[in-house]
């Protein structure tokens, strides 16, 4: 039944993204295109955070993230948190990429590698 639903959604331009977050499965319905409320700078920050979480640790320390993104914390990063692309856990002092953050980057998430970002700046 699920594969039939998936194919029907795909035929009308939607895609069902399956992701795991906090030991739970999430299904997110997405479509082509980008979220116009997210700026290119915010997309770039999210891509870098995804690369960091994939290659270093899925639980990024809040203090380290604030240090890395200190110039754009109040604009770009806080917006990503407010829109639930990133989830902040104050009690643990960490930030995680939320299911919506993974879904919005679905086209490139598998190709995001930290060394590619580092090469850009060398």
Protein backbone atom coordinates (compact mmCIF):
# COMPACT_ATOMS: atom_id res chain seq x y z
CA UNK A 1 0.00 0.00 0.00
CA UNK A 2 2.79 2.45 0.93
CA UNK A 3 4.60 2.00 -2.40
CA UNK A 4 1.37 2.67 -4.29
CA UNK A 5 0.76 5.85 -2.30
CA UNK A 6 4.37 6.91 -2.87
CA UNK A 7 4.07 6.40 -6.64
CA UNK A 8 0.77 8.31 -6.79
CA UNK A 9 2.31 11.23 -4.91
CA UNK A 10 5.38 11.18 -7.16
CA UNK A 11 3.16 11.20 -10.26
CA UNK A 12 1.56 14.48 -9.17
CA UNK A 13 4.85 16.17 -8.24
CA UNK A 14 5.28 15.34 -4.57
CA UNK A 15 7.86 13.26 -2.78
CA UNK A 16 7.60 11.53 0.56
CA UNK A 17 10.83 11.86 2.54
CA UNK A 18 11.50 9.36 5.33
CA UNK A 19 13.96 10.39 8.03
CA UNK A 20 14.86 9.41 11.56
CA UNK A 21 15.07 12.00 14.34
CA UNK A 22 15.35 11.33 18.08
CA UNK A 23 14.80 7.61 17.49
CA UNK A 24 11.47 8.22 15.70
CA UNK A 25 10.57 7.89 12.03
CA UNK A 26 9.24 11.01 10.30
CA UNK A 27 7.57 11.24 6.91
CA UNK A 28 7.60 14.64 5.24
CA UNK A 29 5.71 15.49 2.06
CA UNK A 30 7.81 17.73 -0.20
CA UNK A 31 7.53 19.20 -3.68
CA UNK A 32 9.94 20.60 -6.27
CA UNK A 33 11.54 23.96 -5.70
CA UNK A 34 12.88 25.85 -2.75
CA UNK A 35 11.40 27.60 0.26
CA UNK A 36 11.34 31.28 -0.74
CA UNK A 37 11.32 32.34 2.91
CA UNK A 38 14.85 30.95 3.34
CA UNK A 39 17.69 33.11 2.01
CA UNK A 40 20.70 31.76 0.10
CA UNK A 41 22.84 32.54 3.14
CA UNK A 42 20.53 30.46 5.35
CA UNK A 43 20.63 27.58 2.85
CA UNK A 44 24.44 27.76 2.92
CA UNK A 45 24.55 27.78 6.71
CA UNK A 46 22.17 24.82 6.86
CA UNK A 47 24.28 22.90 4.33
CA UNK A 48 27.42 23.53 6.39
CA UNK A 49 25.67 22.45 9.60
CA UNK A 50 24.46 19.27 7.88
CA UNK A 51 28.04 18.56 6.74
CA UNK A 52 29.32 19.11 10.28
CA UNK A 53 26.64 16.86 11.76
CA UNK A 54 27.31 14.09 9.23
CA UNK A 55 31.08 14.06 9.52
CA UNK A 56 31.81 15.17 13.07
CA UNK A 57 28.80 14.62 15.31
CA UNK A 58 25.02 14.68 14.91
CA UNK A 59 24.85 16.51 18.23
CA UNK A 60 26.55 19.81 17.50
CA UNK A 61 27.48 21.77 20.61
CA UNK A 62 25.47 24.97 20.83
CA UNK A 63 28.51 26.91 22.04
CA UNK A 64 30.62 25.75 19.07
CA UNK A 65 27.87 26.54 16.59
CA UNK A 66 27.48 30.03 18.07
CA UNK A 67 31.23 30.52 17.74
CA UNK A 68 31.31 29.38 14.11
CA UNK A 69 28.26 31.41 13.09
CA UNK A 70 28.64 34.37 15.47
CA UNK A 71 28.23 36.96 12.70
CA UNK A 72 24.94 35.49 11.43
CA UNK A 73 23.58 33.82 14.56
CA UNK A 74 20.80 36.35 15.20
CA UNK A 75 19.69 36.37 11.58
CA UNK A 76 20.39 33.16 9.67
CA UNK A 77 20.77 30.55 12.39
CA UNK A 78 18.02 31.85 14.66
CA UNK A 79 15.66 31.90 11.66
CA UNK A 80 16.50 28.27 10.90
CA UNK A 81 15.77 27.41 14.55
CA UNK A 82 12.54 29.44 14.59
CA UNK A 83 11.30 27.68 11.44
CA UNK A 84 12.27 24.25 12.85
CA UNK A 85 14.94 23.45 10.28
CA UNK A 86 17.29 23.19 13.25
CA UNK A 87 16.28 22.08 16.73
CA UNK A 88 18.01 23.58 19.77
CA UNK A 89 18.17 21.59 23.01
CA UNK A 90 19.16 24.13 25.66
CA UNK A 91 19.17 21.58 28.48
CA UNK A 92 21.75 19.47 26.61
CA UNK A 93 23.59 22.39 25.02
CA UNK A 94 23.26 20.92 21.52
CA UNK A 95 21.69 21.63 18.13
CA UNK A 96 20.46 18.96 15.73
CA UNK A 97 19.26 19.15 12.13
CA UNK A 98 15.48 18.67 12.34
CA UNK A 99 13.45 16.60 9.85
CA UNK A 100 12.38 19.75 7.97
CA UNK A 101 16.04 20.76 7.63
CA UNK A 102 16.85 17.40 6.09
CA UNK A 103 13.82 17.56 3.79
CA UNK A 104 14.57 21.04 2.49
CA UNK A 105 18.05 19.86 1.50
CA UNK A 106 16.83 16.53 0.08
CA UNK A 107 18.36 17.06 -3.37
CA UNK A 108 21.89 17.56 -2.09
CA UNK A 109 21.98 16.03 1.40
CA UNK A 110 23.76 12.86 0.22
CA UNK A 111 26.45 14.89 -1.56
CA UNK A 112 27.15 17.30 1.31
CA UNK A 113 30.66 16.65 2.58
CA UNK A 114 32.64 18.80 4.99
CA UNK A 115 35.82 18.60 2.92
CA UNK A 116 33.97 20.14 -0.07
CA UNK A 117 33.13 23.17 2.06
CA UNK A 118 36.67 23.43 3.36
CA UNK A 119 38.05 23.26 -0.19
CA UNK A 120 35.97 26.30 -1.13
CA UNK A 121 37.86 28.43 1.38
CA UNK A 122 41.35 27.20 0.45
